[in-house]
Amino acid sequence: MADDTDTATGRSLTLAGARKALDAALAKAEDMGLRFCIAVTDSSGEPVATARMDGAPRLSAGIALNKAFTVCGFGGMPSGNWWDLIKDEPSLVHGITHTPRLIVFGGGVPIFVDGDLVGAIGVSGGSADQDTEVAQAGADAVAG
């Protein structure tokens, strides 16, 4: 018979929450006058809502999704934190960067609610700092 140690309970972003994050990120992007691809995922890194702004680079759509996937795959660590962790270890730089879907530059931001990782938002189309700024606006809209 199963007990509490045999199962896990978790919270995850809903479509309503993903749309809130997406809308806030799109508003920030428009304020900046730039075009981005934006992906919002649930806590497992699966897409819930995505957008490619008119004129945003097509390849950025997949990069945005992979940024959010990277964040969820590593418990909420922003994608922009990766480089500082690996830059001084050549074996990691040349090894882990070949991991499918792993992104080691900015633009992937976790969405935490009451300390729980409920999803992530990935943004691509600008500089790493611009992508992160747009992603953070989306995350902040849900986190409160």
C-alpha atoms as a PDB file:
ATOM      1  CA  MET A   1       0.000   0.000   0.000  1.00  0.00           C
ATOM      2  CA  ALA A   2       1.302   3.465  -0.944  1.00  0.00           C
ATOM      3  CA  ASP A   3       2.184   6.025   1.690  1.00  0.00           C
ATOM      4  CA  ASP A   4       3.204   9.692   1.479  1.00  0.00           C
ATOM      5  CA  THR A   5       6.796   8.805   0.597  1.00  0.00           C
ATOM      6  CA  ASP A   6       5.671   7.015  -2.583  1.00  0.00           C
ATOM      7  CA  THR A   7       4.081  10.001  -4.319  1.00  0.00           C
ATOM      8  CA  ALA A   8       4.748  13.673  -4.914  1.00  0.00           C
ATOM      9  CA  THR A   9       2.325  16.541  -5.072  1.00  0.00           C
ATOM     10  CA  GLY A  10       3.179  19.652  -7.003  1.00  0.00           C
ATOM     11  CA  ARG A  11       1.737  22.858  -8.305  1.00  0.00           C
ATOM     12  CA  SER A  12       1.930  23.904 -11.914  1.00  0.00           C
ATOM     13  CA  LEU A  13       1.034  26.912 -13.994  1.00  0.00           C
ATOM     14  CA  THR A  14      -2.432  26.917 -15.543  1.00  0.00           C
ATOM     15  CA  LEU A  15      -3.363  28.330 -18.920  1.00  0.00           C
ATOM     16  CA  ALA A  16      -4.722  31.421 -17.156  1.00  0.00           C
ATOM     17  CA  GLY A  17      -1.398  31.920 -15.365  1.00  0.00           C
ATOM     18  CA  ALA A  18       0.576  31.321 -18.537  1.00  0.00           C
ATOM     19  CA  ARG A  19      -1.507  33.877 -20.414  1.00  0.00           C
ATOM     20  CA  LYS A  20      -0.952  36.402 -17.635  1.00  0.00           C
ATOM     21  CA  ALA A  21       2.814  35.890 -17.907  1.00  0.00           C
ATOM     22  CA  LEU A  22       2.715  35.976 -21.705  1.00  0.00           C
ATOM     23  CA  ASP A  23       0.654  39.176 -21.791  1.00  0.00           C
ATOM     24  CA  ALA A  24       2.989  40.945 -19.348  1.00  0.00           C
ATOM     25  CA  ALA A  25       6.050  39.858 -21.327  1.00  0.00           C
ATOM     26  CA  LEU A  26       4.479  41.031 -24.591  1.00  0.00           C
ATOM     27  CA  ALA A  27       3.641  44.393 -23.029  1.00  0.00           C
ATOM     28  CA  LYS A  28       7.240  44.796 -21.839  1.00  0.00           C
ATOM     29  CA  ALA A  29       8.540  43.866 -25.288  1.00  0.00           C
ATOM     30  CA  GLU A  30       6.291  46.426 -26.934  1.00  0.00           C
ATOM     31  CA  ASP A  31       7.445  49.089 -24.451  1.00  0.00           C
ATOM     32  CA  MET A  32      11.012  48.284 -25.487  1.00  0.00           C
ATOM     33  CA  GLY A  33      10.095  48.498 -29.170  1.00  0.00           C
ATOM     34  CA  LEU A  34      11.621  45.089 -29.898  1.00  0.00           C
ATOM     35  CA  ARG A  35      10.319  41.788 -31.296  1.00  0.00           C
ATOM     36  CA  PHE A  36      10.665  38.557 -29.349  1.00  0.00           C
ATOM     37  CA  CYS A  37       9.525  34.965 -29.229  1.00  0.00           C
ATOM     38  CA  ILE A  38       8.118  34.038 -25.826  1.00  0.00           C
ATOM     39  CA  ALA A  39       7.363  30.621 -24.350  1.00  0.00           C
ATOM     40  CA  VAL A  40       5.673  29.912 -21.024  1.00  0.00           C
ATOM     41  CA  THR A  41       5.856  26.387 -19.635  1.00  0.00           C
ATOM     42  CA  ASP A  42       4.395  24.437 -16.760  1.00  0.00           C
ATOM     43  CA  SER A  43       6.580  23.137 -13.937  1.00  0.00           C
ATOM     44  CA  SER A  44       7.809  20.197 -16.037  1.00  0.00           C
ATOM     45  CA  GLY A  45       8.948  22.456 -18.873  1.00  0.00           C
ATOM     46  CA  GLU A  46       6.093  21.611 -21.229  1.00  0.00           C
ATOM     47  CA  PRO A  47       4.709  24.558 -23.229  1.00  0.00           C
ATOM     48  CA  VAL A  48       1.452  26.122 -22.102  1.00  0.00           C
ATOM     49  CA  ALA A  49       1.446  29.382 -24.109  1.00  0.00           C
ATOM     50  CA  THR A  50       3.752  30.760 -26.780  1.00  0.00           C
ATOM     51  CA  ALA A  51       3.937  33.802 -29.023  1.00  0.00           C
ATOM     52  CA  ARG A  52       6.102  34.971 -31.877  1.00  0.00           C
ATOM     53  CA  MET A  53       5.781  38.714 -32.271  1.00  0.00           C
ATOM     54  CA  ASP A  54       5.465  39.949 -35.849  1.00  0.00           C
ATOM     55  CA  GLY A  55       8.948  40.149 -37.302  1.00  0.00           C
ATOM     56  CA  ALA A  56      10.629  38.194 -34.491  1.00  0.00           C
ATOM     57  CA  PRO A  57      13.337  35.796 -35.694  1.00  0.00           C
ATOM     58  CA  ARG A  58      11.810  32.407 -36.483  1.00  0.00           C
ATOM     59  CA  LEU A  59      14.678  30.468 -34.929  1.00  0.00           C
ATOM     60  CA  SER A  60      14.081  32.321 -31.653  1.00  0.00           C
ATOM     61  CA  ALA A  61      10.832  30.422 -31.058  1.00  0.00           C
ATOM     62  CA  GLY A  62      12.647  27.176 -30.309  1.00  0.00           C
ATOM     63  CA  ILE A  63      15.359  28.949 -28.337  1.00  0.00           C
ATOM     64  CA  ALA A  64      12.738  30.611 -26.112  1.00  0.00           C
ATOM     65  CA  LEU A  65      11.083  27.265 -25.398  1.00  0.00           C
ATOM     66  CA  ASN A  66      14.428  25.647 -24.619  1.00  0.00           C
ATOM     67  CA  LYS A  67      15.314  28.451 -22.202  1.00  0.00           C
ATOM     68  CA  ALA A  68      12.141  27.780 -20.203  1.00  0.00           C
ATOM     69  CA  PHE A  69      12.738  24.017 -20.444  1.00  0.00           C
ATOM     70  CA  THR A  70      16.277  24.482 -19.073  1.00  0.00           C
ATOM     71  CA  VAL A  71      14.968  26.460 -16.096  1.00  0.00           C
ATOM     72  CA  CYS A  72      12.436  23.771 -15.166  1.00  0.00           C
ATOM     73  CA  GLY A  73      14.882  20.951 -15.784  1.00  0.00           C
ATOM     74  CA  PHE A  74      17.238  22.339 -13.176  1.00  0.00           C
ATOM     75  CA  GLY A  75      14.792  23.228 -10.420  1.00  0.00           C
ATOM     76  CA  GLY A  76      14.301  26.891 -11.243  1.00  0.00           C
ATOM     77  CA  MET A  77      17.840  28.080 -11.947  1.00  0.00           C
ATOM     78  CA  PRO A  78      17.676  30.922 -14.497  1.00  0.00           C
ATOM     79  CA  SER A  79      19.319  30.028 -17.791  1.00  0.00           C
ATOM     80  CA  GLY A  80      21.594  33.056 -17.457  1.00  0.00           C
ATOM     81  CA  ASN A  81      23.269  31.568 -14.371  1.00  0.00           C
ATOM     82  CA  TRP A  82      24.750  28.655 -16.303  1.00  0.00           C
ATOM     83  CA  TRP A  83      27.735  30.356 -17.922  1.00  0.00           C
ATOM     84  CA  ASP A  84      29.192  31.552 -14.606  1.00  0.00           C
ATOM     85  CA  LEU A  85      28.946  27.980 -13.306  1.00  0.00           C
ATOM     86  CA  ILE A  86      30.790  26.374 -16.207  1.00  0.00           C
ATOM     87  CA  LYS A  87      33.060  29.010 -17.781  1.00  0.00           C
ATOM     88  CA  ASP A  88      36.167  28.009 -15.805  1.00  0.00           C
ATOM     89  CA  GLU A  89      35.764  24.277 -16.432  1.00  0.00           C
ATOM     90  CA  PRO A  90      36.601  23.442 -20.058  1.00  0.00           C
ATOM     91  CA  SER A  91      35.241  19.911 -19.794  1.00  0.00           C
ATOM     92  CA  LEU A  92      31.854  21.279 -18.776  1.00  0.00           C
ATOM     93  CA  VAL A  93      31.884  23.985 -21.435  1.00  0.00           C
ATOM     94  CA  HIS A  94      32.633  21.425 -24.133  1.00  0.00           C
ATOM     95  CA  GLY A  95      30.517  18.655 -22.642  1.00  0.00           C
ATOM     96  CA  ILE A  96      27.342  19.960 -21.075  1.00  0.00           C
ATOM     97  CA  THR A  97      26.743  22.488 -23.839  1.00  0.00           C
ATOM     98  CA  HIS A  98      26.041  19.531 -26.138  1.00  0.00           C
ATOM     99  CA  THR A  99      23.117  18.476 -23.955  1.00  0.00           C
ATOM    100  CA  PRO A 100      19.990  18.721 -26.101  1.00  0.00           C
ATOM    101  CA  ARG A 101      17.798  21.723 -25.238  1.00  0.00           C
ATOM    102  CA  LEU A 102      20.178  23.104 -22.576  1.00  0.00           C
ATOM    103  CA  ILE A 103      20.608  26.875 -22.910  1.00  0.00           C
ATOM    104  CA  VAL A 104      23.492  28.535 -21.042  1.00  0.00           C
ATOM    105  CA  PHE A 105      22.681  32.222 -21.606  1.00  0.00           C
ATOM    106  CA  GLY A 106      20.067  34.644 -20.319  1.00  0.00           C
ATOM    107  CA  GLY A 107      16.385  34.769 -21.136  1.00  0.00           C
ATOM    108  CA  GLY A 108      14.998  31.830 -19.162  1.00  0.00           C
ATOM    109  CA  VAL A 109      13.387  32.819 -15.862  1.00  0.00           C
ATOM    110  CA  PRO A 110      11.553  30.688 -13.283  1.00  0.00           C
ATOM    111  CA  ILE A 111       8.015  31.399 -12.137  1.00  0.00           C
ATOM    112  CA  PHE A 112       7.706  30.803  -8.410  1.00  0.00           C
ATOM    113  CA  VAL A 113       4.450  31.094  -6.447  1.00  0.00           C
ATOM    114  CA  ASP A 114       4.710  30.850  -2.671  1.00  0.00           C
ATOM    115  CA  GLY A 115       8.117  29.223  -3.011  1.00  0.00           C
ATOM    116  CA  ASP A 116       6.945  26.566  -5.477  1.00  0.00           C
ATOM    117  CA  LEU A 117       8.346  26.376  -8.998  1.00  0.00           C
ATOM    118  CA  VAL A 118       5.148  26.414 -11.069  1.00  0.00           C
ATOM    119  CA  GLY A 119       6.680  27.092 -14.477  1.00  0.00           C
ATOM    120  CA  ALA A 120       9.130  29.173 -16.436  1.00  0.00           C
ATOM    121  CA  ILE A 121       9.238  31.747 -19.171  1.00  0.00           C
ATOM    122  CA  GLY A 122      11.768  31.818 -21.966  1.00  0.00           C
ATOM    123  CA  VAL A 123      12.347  34.775 -24.257  1.00  0.00           C
ATOM    124  CA  SER A 124      14.552  35.075 -27.331  1.00  0.00           C
ATOM    125  CA  GLY A 125      15.085  37.699 -29.989  1.00  0.00           C
ATOM    126  CA  GLY A 126      17.202  40.374 -28.323  1.00  0.00           C
ATOM    127  CA  SER A 127      20.372  40.423 -26.280  1.00  0.00           C
ATOM    128  CA  ALA A 128      20.566  38.093 -23.296  1.00  0.00           C
ATOM    129  CA  ASP A 129      19.885  41.067 -21.003  1.00  0.00           C
ATOM    130  CA  GLN A 130      16.873  42.199 -23.054  1.00  0.00           C
ATOM    131  CA  ASP A 131      15.499  38.668 -23.188  1.00  0.00           C
ATOM    132  CA  THR A 132      15.868  38.367 -19.412  1.00  0.00           C
ATOM    133  CA  GLU A 133      14.163  41.715 -18.816  1.00  0.00           C
ATOM    134  CA  VAL A 134      11.128  40.660 -20.856  1.00  0.00           C
ATOM    135  CA  ALA A 135      11.019  37.218 -19.224  1.00  0.00           C
ATOM    136  CA  GLN A 136      11.238  38.720 -15.741  1.00  0.00           C
ATOM    137  CA  ALA A 137       8.288  41.003 -16.477  1.00  0.00           C
ATOM    138  CA  GLY A 138       6.239  37.933 -17.373  1.00  0.00           C
ATOM    139  CA  ALA A 139       7.345  35.962 -14.314  1.00  0.00           C
ATOM    140  CA  ASP A 140       6.656  38.910 -12.015  1.00  0.00           C
ATOM    141  CA  ALA A 141       3.077  39.195 -13.301  1.00  0.00           C
ATOM    142  CA  VAL A 142       2.300  35.722 -11.957  1.00  0.00           C
ATOM    143  CA  ALA A 143       4.498  35.707  -8.867  1.00  0.00           C
ATOM    144  CA  GLY A 144       2.787  38.845  -7.673  1.00  0.00           C
END
